[in-house]
Amino acid sequence: MPQYKTRISGGDVMVRGQLVPADVLIDGSSIVGILRPGEQADAAEVIDATGKWVLPGIIDTHAHTREPGYTHKEDFHTASRAAAVGGITTMIDMPNVEPPTDTLEQFEVKRDLAAAKSIIDWGHWAAGTDPVQVKKMAAAGATGFKIFQVSGAYPHDPRLAVNDEGRLIQVFRTISEVGLPCLLHPFNQSLFEQLSTEAFAAGKPPNWQTFSEVYTTEAIWHTAVNTLVNLQALTDVRLQVVHTHSRGSLQLLREAKERGQRVTASVDPKYYHLTRDDLARLKGRACPGGYITEDPERMAAIWQALADGTIDMIDSDHAPHTLEEIEVLDHDAWNAAMGSPQYDWQYSITLTDVSEGVLSLRRAVELLSEAPARLLGIFPRKGALLPGSDADLVLVDPRRQVVLTDEGLQTKVGWTPYIGRQVTGVVELTMLRGTTIAKDRQVLGEAGYGQYLAGVAQ
């Protein structure tokens, strides 16, 4: 009788930052050995990984599964299916649903929904709006907390916005006390509103183009992050700033890290991949991207921050809306849904950056897997391929190229903002805790297989 469950044989495995020829030995839900090629160990199943890379599964800290309340767009089952084919083995969901995840009762409802449906491991960012509820949800196992400074049409729910610095420092202090991460969408709402008024006064239409131009204005993000860095210093909250695409913001975060502040940063690929040409071609599908890529100094700052560690992780901001909802951006962007599905091809977008030489494979794995695991306090159980780690991994064909279309997607809304783009590097198998949940872009995992990741105080 074979001694072990599975052996992944003949591939190049990412081990401690190095891609090395090795076999991965799995028993139960865990990796039990990283073997030299040819080293003896019998397994009931042998997976041939010849010519493939074996990499940790993505841990995505920025998911909008839309459940409860908006399940015509997505739900825990469909989001996790899209995640599985895209190489994501863990997702942490956001609280801007209906009703919002801002009380203990709603947190428990949402956790039960996901437990029945998700095929991948998952957690919940609860809303960081009320110090009393923060303590209750932390005690009940919230993974951490999310705060929005932006306020407007869905998905930027005014009920979840905290723009007042006095209120913000109260919430920061409470989240710091419970020791969990605090994710924050930085935004100078009043400046955005003023610049919007000026754009309309200048005769610009309220469409996706004008919205993207105003929304991505450097000063809106830079001034917000300046305040956040100062409030973090007063509270020592574990602050993760999301959507860090402004040059000034990146420098502020770099300096805060040099001072020893507990700040981390993430960025989602749409900001540094979608161009003004994509806006013209795809309209609302590419909103709010486009204008950042027109600024060479800003783009250089993003790539430098990805390389030097100022940006700690790449997240997805998987935020599906129907195409009918997106079409409203053509004429009424300030009252339209904004966001795009990302999961089906999430790993391939960054693997293409690796193929093009703008990012090393080692750094890509740090950004997608290791750093998120450290943020959540679960490294090296997750985010690494080491003996004792969960067997959460992907097999990638690094040379395979695909031109992306809307065909065959697992996301419920059935479209991608990267339509027409060629990617290099395709996930051919995704494994979660030793079980294959997707193969050849077909989902094999079952609803309810995913396990909940409670918060870890640090």
Foldseek 3Di string as FASTA:
>chain_A
DFPAAEKEAAAFEQAPLDGHHWIFTHHFQFTADTGHHPDDGGHPYYHYQHLWYKAFAFAFEADAQQPDARPLFHHQQLLQLLQFQQRHQEYEHEQQHVVGQAALVSLVVNVVRQLQHHLHAYFYAHQLQDLVRLVVVQVVFHLHHEAEQEDAAPPRDPVRHDNDLVSVLVSQQSRVVSQHEYEYEFFDHVQLVVVVVVCVVVVHFQALVVCLVSRVPQVGRLVRLVSVLVSCVVRLHQYEYEQPQHLNSLVSLVVSVVVVRNYAYEHECLAQPQALVLCVVVPLQSPNHHPSNVDVVSNVSVLVCLAPRSHQAYHHNQDTDAVVQSVVNGHRVRNTYHDHGGNNNPVQVVLQCCVVPSDPPSSNLRRGWVSVCVSQVNPPLHSHRDRNHGPWIFIKNQADKDQDALPLRSRSNRGGSRHRPITGMGTAWTDGSRHTQDGNSRGDGGTSNYHYRGGDRD
